[in-house]
Amino acid sequence: MVQAGKGKLQTGEERRQALVRAAFGCIAEKGFEGLRLRDVAAEVGIDHSTLHHYFASKQDLVAGVVEYATRQFWPTRPTEGGAIDGLQYHLAALGRMIREQPALFTVMGELDLRARRDPAIRSIIDRHEEGWRIVLGEVLRRGAEEGAVTRNLEVATGVELIIAAVKGVRQLPDRAEDVLAQLHVLLTGKRPADT
């Protein structure tokens, strides 16, 4: 255990998570290019060299940020029940998150932009997005079996359409819920019920 401010003891994992949250905040505020390990360490109250006891490299810290950020999406996973209900829940929850947690989507946008130039970060993001693709694919496949999605929808393309819409609408947080509700209409032919 290590000593934290104001007499609280902090475990190694708690310090590690504090560093991840500090890096997340730095990216949200200054962009990926503004991420400095010295600033992250200072935010947590440790020396820059001590940070390397928790993360061997900046890439490892970024991997921690991606995991932290993507974990916040887990509650939006489609619920049990029919495919339409699951899809509606997922899209509505994402729309609310975009409006209520703009820093999360700023960070994800920064990471997506960096990933276009950095294969290591692309690999980290791809690993986390693969789970999203699997869940969405299952929902759309079930929807096709139930006759609940647009008849000629190709599942893999539908999955990418949802991901592209979510990533695009994060730039318009005040419109996110309406846009994702309209996406639901396009995918199912039905207006989502009020949530």
Protein backbone atom coordinates (compact mmCIF):
# COMPACT_ATOMS: atom_id res chain seq x y z
CA MET A 1 0.00 0.00 0.00
CA VAL A 2 1.09 3.54 -0.64
CA GLN A 3 0.15 6.69 1.19
CA ALA A 4 -2.34 8.95 -0.52
CA GLY A 5 -3.27 12.49 0.36
CA LYS A 6 -5.01 13.32 3.68
CA GLY A 7 -3.93 10.14 5.43
CA LYS A 8 -5.84 7.70 3.23
CA LEU A 9 -4.04 4.53 2.27
CA GLN A 10 -4.19 3.60 -1.37
CA THR A 11 -3.47 0.18 -2.86
CA GLY A 12 -1.44 -0.25 -6.01
CA GLU A 13 -4.62 -0.91 -7.99
CA GLU A 14 -6.26 2.24 -6.60
CA ARG A 15 -3.19 4.27 -7.59
CA ARG A 16 -3.22 2.64 -11.01
CA GLN A 17 -6.88 3.59 -11.50
CA ALA A 18 -6.18 7.13 -10.29
CA LEU A 19 -3.48 7.43 -12.96
CA VAL A 20 -5.90 6.15 -15.62
CA ARG A 21 -8.57 8.68 -14.54
CA ALA A 22 -5.96 11.47 -14.57
CA ALA A 23 -4.86 10.50 -18.09
CA PHE A 24 -8.52 10.32 -19.16
CA GLY A 25 -9.06 13.86 -17.80
CA CYS A 26 -5.93 15.12 -19.51
CA ILE A 27 -7.07 13.76 -22.89
CA ALA A 28 -10.57 15.19 -22.36
CA GLU A 29 -9.16 18.62 -21.56
CA LYS A 30 -6.10 18.88 -23.85
CA GLY A 31 -6.56 16.19 -26.50
CA PHE A 32 -4.35 13.20 -27.10
CA GLU A 33 -1.42 15.38 -28.15
CA GLY A 34 -1.61 17.11 -24.77
CA LEU A 35 -1.22 13.86 -22.81
CA ARG A 36 1.99 14.22 -20.79
CA LEU A 37 3.08 11.56 -18.32
CA ARG A 38 4.55 14.21 -16.01
CA ASP A 39 1.17 15.96 -15.82
CA VAL A 40 -0.64 12.69 -15.14
CA ALA A 41 1.80 11.77 -12.36
CA ALA A 42 1.56 15.25 -10.83
CA GLU A 43 -2.25 15.08 -10.87
CA VAL A 44 -2.08 11.92 -8.74
CA GLY A 45 0.64 13.34 -6.50
CA ILE A 46 3.52 11.08 -7.50
CA ASP A 47 6.85 11.60 -9.21
CA HIS A 48 7.02 11.00 -12.95
CA SER A 49 9.45 8.10 -12.48
CA THR A 50 7.05 6.40 -10.04
CA LEU A 51 4.37 6.30 -12.74
CA HIS A 52 6.45 3.66 -14.54
CA HIS A 53 5.93 1.28 -11.61
CA TYR A 54 2.27 1.20 -12.64
CA PHE A 55 2.54 1.58 -16.42
CA ALA A 56 5.70 0.56 -18.25
CA SER A 57 4.96 2.88 -21.17
CA LYS A 58 2.63 5.60 -22.37
CA GLN A 59 0.98 2.99 -24.59
CA ASP A 60 0.18 0.88 -21.52
CA LEU A 61 -1.40 3.92 -19.87
CA VAL A 62 -3.43 4.61 -23.02
CA ALA A 63 -4.58 0.97 -23.00
CA GLY A 64 -5.78 1.58 -19.43
CA VAL A 65 -7.67 4.68 -20.56
CA VAL A 66 -9.35 2.75 -23.40
CA GLU A 67 -10.38 0.00 -20.98
CA TYR A 68 -11.68 2.57 -18.46
CA ALA A 69 -13.64 4.42 -21.15
CA THR A 70 -15.12 1.35 -22.82
CA ARG A 71 -16.13 -0.13 -19.46
CA GLN A 72 -18.47 2.84 -19.07
CA PHE A 73 -20.45 1.55 -22.05
CA TRP A 74 -21.20 -1.84 -20.52
CA PRO A 75 -24.50 -0.72 -18.91
CA THR A 76 -25.80 0.23 -22.39
CA ARG A 77 -25.65 -3.36 -23.61
CA PRO A 78 -28.99 -4.55 -24.93
CA THR A 79 -31.16 -6.02 -22.20
CA GLU A 80 -32.88 -9.36 -22.22
CA GLY A 81 -36.03 -9.60 -24.25
CA GLY A 82 -36.74 -9.11 -27.91
CA ALA A 83 -34.23 -7.71 -30.33
CA ILE A 84 -36.22 -4.53 -30.91
CA ASP A 85 -36.35 -3.77 -27.18
CA GLY A 86 -32.64 -4.48 -26.83
CA LEU A 87 -31.71 -2.29 -29.77
CA GLN A 88 -33.98 0.51 -28.58
CA TYR A 89 -32.48 0.35 -25.08
CA HIS A 90 -28.92 0.39 -26.44
CA LEU A 91 -29.43 3.32 -28.80
CA ALA A 92 -31.40 5.35 -26.24
CA ALA A 93 -28.76 4.73 -23.54
CA LEU A 94 -25.97 5.77 -25.91
CA GLY A 95 -27.88 8.91 -26.88
CA ARG A 96 -28.26 9.88 -23.22
CA MET A 97 -24.58 9.16 -22.55
CA ILE A 98 -23.48 11.35 -25.44
CA ARG A 99 -25.55 14.23 -24.03
CA GLU A 100 -24.70 13.67 -20.35
CA GLN A 101 -21.04 12.59 -20.56
CA PRO A 102 -19.42 14.64 -23.32
CA ALA A 103 -15.92 14.10 -21.89
CA LEU A 104 -16.24 10.35 -22.47
CA PHE A 105 -17.01 10.90 -26.13
CA THR A 106 -14.32 13.56 -26.49
CA VAL A 107 -11.76 11.05 -25.21
CA MET A 108 -13.05 8.28 -27.48
CA GLY A 109 -12.92 10.69 -30.43
CA GLU A 110 -9.35 11.67 -29.60
CA LEU A 111 -8.37 8.01 -29.34
CA ASP A 112 -10.07 7.19 -32.65
CA LEU A 113 -8.21 10.03 -34.37
CA ARG A 114 -4.88 8.94 -32.91
CA ALA A 115 -5.58 5.32 -33.89
CA ARG A 116 -5.66 6.34 -37.56
CA ARG A 117 -1.94 7.15 -37.28
CA ASP A 118 -0.88 4.74 -34.55
CA PRO A 119 -1.32 0.99 -35.22
CA ALA A 120 -0.68 0.10 -31.56
CA ILE A 121 -3.57 2.28 -30.39
CA ARG A 122 -5.73 1.02 -33.27
CA SER A 123 -5.11 -2.51 -32.03
CA ILE A 124 -6.12 -1.59 -28.47
CA ILE A 125 -9.34 0.07 -29.64
CA ASP A 126 -10.15 -2.76 -32.05
CA ARG A 127 -9.93 -5.32 -29.23
CA HIS A 128 -12.49 -3.40 -27.21
CA GLU A 129 -14.78 -2.61 -30.16
CA GLU A 130 -14.87 -6.27 -31.17
CA GLY A 131 -17.09 -7.00 -28.17
CA TRP A 132 -19.45 -4.21 -29.27
CA ARG A 133 -19.60 -5.66 -32.77
CA ILE A 134 -20.40 -9.13 -31.43
CA VAL A 135 -23.25 -7.85 -29.23
CA LEU A 136 -24.73 -5.68 -31.98
CA GLY A 137 -24.42 -8.49 -34.50
CA GLU A 138 -26.30 -10.85 -32.18
CA VAL A 139 -29.07 -8.29 -31.63
CA LEU A 140 -29.48 -7.68 -35.36
CA ARG A 141 -29.39 -11.42 -36.16
CA ARG A 142 -32.09 -12.05 -33.55
CA GLY A 143 -34.03 -9.14 -34.97
CA ALA A 144 -33.85 -10.68 -38.45
CA GLU A 145 -35.03 -14.04 -37.07
CA GLU A 146 -37.92 -12.31 -35.29
CA GLY A 147 -38.79 -10.32 -38.43
CA ALA A 148 -38.18 -7.18 -36.40
CA VAL A 149 -35.53 -5.44 -38.51
CA THR A 150 -35.70 -4.11 -42.03
CA ARG A 151 -36.03 -7.12 -44.31
CA ASN A 152 -32.94 -6.69 -46.47
CA LEU A 153 -30.60 -5.55 -43.70
CA GLU A 154 -27.17 -7.16 -43.99
CA VAL A 155 -26.13 -7.73 -40.35
CA ALA A 156 -22.41 -6.82 -40.62
CA THR A 157 -23.26 -3.62 -42.49
CA GLY A 158 -25.98 -2.81 -39.95
CA VAL A 159 -23.47 -3.17 -37.14
CA GLU A 160 -21.04 -0.78 -38.85
CA LEU A 161 -23.90 1.66 -39.53
CA ILE A 162 -24.72 1.78 -35.82
CA ILE A 163 -21.07 2.27 -34.85
CA ALA A 164 -20.58 4.98 -37.49
CA ALA A 165 -23.75 6.79 -36.39
CA VAL A 166 -22.72 6.74 -32.72
CA LYS A 167 -19.20 7.94 -33.52
CA GLY A 168 -20.52 10.65 -35.83
CA VAL A 169 -23.28 11.98 -33.59
CA ARG A 170 -20.92 12.42 -30.65
CA GLN A 171 -20.04 15.71 -32.37
CA LEU A 172 -23.67 16.86 -31.86
CA PRO A 173 -24.49 15.83 -28.28
CA ASP A 174 -27.75 17.82 -28.18
CA ARG A 175 -29.04 15.91 -31.24
CA ALA A 176 -27.73 12.46 -30.31
CA GLU A 177 -30.95 11.04 -28.88
CA ASP A 178 -33.04 12.17 -31.87
CA VAL A 179 -30.49 10.92 -34.39
CA LEU A 180 -30.18 7.50 -32.74
CA ALA A 181 -33.99 7.23 -32.46
CA GLN A 182 -34.17 7.88 -36.21
CA LEU A 183 -31.53 5.19 -36.77
CA HIS A 184 -33.80 2.80 -34.87
CA VAL A 185 -36.62 3.68 -37.29
CA LEU A 186 -34.36 3.03 -40.28
CA LEU A 187 -33.25 -0.34 -38.91
CA THR A 188 -36.65 -1.57 -37.73
CA GLY A 189 -39.29 0.45 -39.56
CA LYS A 190 -40.80 1.35 -36.17
CA ARG A 191 -40.55 4.39 -33.91
CA PRO A 192 -38.97 3.51 -30.57
CA ALA A 193 -41.32 3.53 -27.60
CA ASP A 194 -40.67 6.23 -25.04
CA THR A 195 -38.02 5.21 -22.50
